[in-house]
Amino acid sequence: MLVRFFAAAHAAAGVDEERHELGDRATLDELLTAILAVDRPDPPAGTPPLARIITRSSFLRNEISVRDRTAVLSPDDVVDVLPPFAGG
């Protein structure tokens, strides 16, 4: 599945997007575990680590909010990682 990172999640992940190959019945929680298992360079100064950002983030699956981390994903899903945004 395709994972897209936005704002601080993008900065901490070091990429705009990445693909993860998980089983057919993988959950959002399993995807998040896979995301955090990727070896990444340290984020830029002032950017929290990706693990901390993920604990505060919202997630979209195919542009629809998903809050249940046990929700089953499909291999062709697109999951967006949206950290809290500030500003107006």
Protein backbone atom coordinates (compact mmCIF):
# COMPACT_ATOMS: atom_id res chain seq x y z
CA MET A 1 0.00 0.00 0.00
CA LEU A 2 1.02 3.56 -0.54
CA VAL A 3 1.70 5.75 2.51
CA ARG A 4 1.87 9.52 2.06
CA PHE A 5 3.40 11.77 4.70
CA PHE A 6 2.39 15.40 5.23
CA ALA A 7 3.92 18.36 7.10
CA ALA A 8 5.98 17.28 10.15
CA ALA A 9 5.44 13.60 9.30
CA HIS A 10 7.05 14.26 5.92
CA ALA A 11 10.00 15.99 7.58
CA ALA A 12 10.46 13.20 10.12
CA ALA A 13 10.05 10.38 7.58
CA GLY A 14 12.40 12.05 5.13
CA VAL A 15 10.16 11.14 2.17
CA ASP A 16 6.85 12.28 0.66
CA GLU A 17 5.62 8.73 0.26
CA GLU A 18 6.64 5.10 0.45
CA ARG A 19 5.19 1.69 -0.30
CA HIS A 20 4.68 -1.12 2.19
CA GLU A 21 3.87 -4.68 1.22
CA LEU A 22 1.84 -6.27 4.00
CA GLY A 23 -0.55 -9.21 4.07
CA ASP A 24 -4.05 -9.02 2.61
CA ARG A 25 -5.62 -8.56 6.05
CA ALA A 26 -3.10 -6.14 7.55
CA THR A 27 -4.43 -3.55 9.98
CA LEU A 28 -3.62 0.12 10.30
CA ASP A 29 -1.71 -0.71 13.48
CA GLU A 30 0.43 -3.25 11.59
CA LEU A 31 1.11 -0.67 8.90
CA LEU A 32 2.21 1.87 11.51
CA THR A 33 4.54 -0.71 13.03
CA ALA A 34 6.04 -1.32 9.57
CA ILE A 35 6.46 2.43 9.02
CA LEU A 36 8.31 2.81 12.30
CA ALA A 37 10.54 -0.20 11.55
CA VAL A 38 12.11 1.59 8.54
CA ASP A 39 15.65 2.79 9.25
CA ARG A 40 15.57 6.55 8.73
CA PRO A 41 18.05 9.38 9.15
CA ASP A 42 17.52 11.73 12.07
CA PRO A 43 14.84 14.34 11.36
CA PRO A 44 15.83 17.98 10.89
CA ALA A 45 16.54 20.01 14.03
CA GLY A 46 13.31 20.95 15.77
CA THR A 47 11.32 18.11 14.18
CA PRO A 48 10.12 15.43 16.60
CA PRO A 49 10.87 11.80 15.76
CA LEU A 50 8.36 10.04 13.52
CA ALA A 51 7.25 7.74 16.35
CA ARG A 52 6.09 10.72 18.41
CA ILE A 53 4.41 12.35 15.42
CA ILE A 54 2.49 9.16 14.62
CA THR A 55 1.04 9.01 18.15
CA ARG A 56 -0.57 12.42 17.53
CA SER A 57 -1.50 11.99 13.88
CA SER A 58 -4.76 11.41 12.08
CA PHE A 59 -5.01 8.94 9.24
CA LEU A 60 -6.94 8.82 6.00
CA ARG A 61 -7.53 5.61 4.08
CA ASN A 62 -8.45 6.40 0.50
CA GLU A 63 -9.28 9.98 1.60
CA ILE A 64 -11.65 8.84 4.39
CA SER A 65 -10.77 9.31 8.04
CA VAL A 66 -9.94 6.12 9.91
CA ARG A 67 -9.55 6.15 13.68
CA ASP A 68 -9.74 2.44 14.42
CA ARG A 69 -6.19 1.12 14.31
CA THR A 70 -7.54 -2.42 14.01
CA ALA A 71 -9.20 -1.48 10.71
CA VAL A 72 -8.23 -3.91 7.96
CA LEU A 73 -6.43 -2.39 4.97
CA SER A 74 -6.22 -3.57 1.37
CA PRO A 75 -2.94 -3.80 -0.55
CA ASP A 76 -4.12 -1.09 -2.96
CA ASP A 77 -5.13 1.40 -0.24
CA VAL A 78 -3.57 4.85 0.08
CA VAL A 79 -2.96 5.87 3.69
CA ASP A 80 -2.21 9.49 4.55
CA VAL A 81 -0.39 10.40 7.76
CA LEU A 82 -1.61 13.81 8.91
CA PRO A 83 0.04 15.34 11.97
CA PRO A 84 -1.76 18.10 13.83
CA PHE A 85 -1.67 21.31 11.83
CA ALA A 86 -1.46 24.83 13.22
CA GLY A 87 -2.21 28.13 11.62
CA GLY A 88 -5.09 29.48 9.68
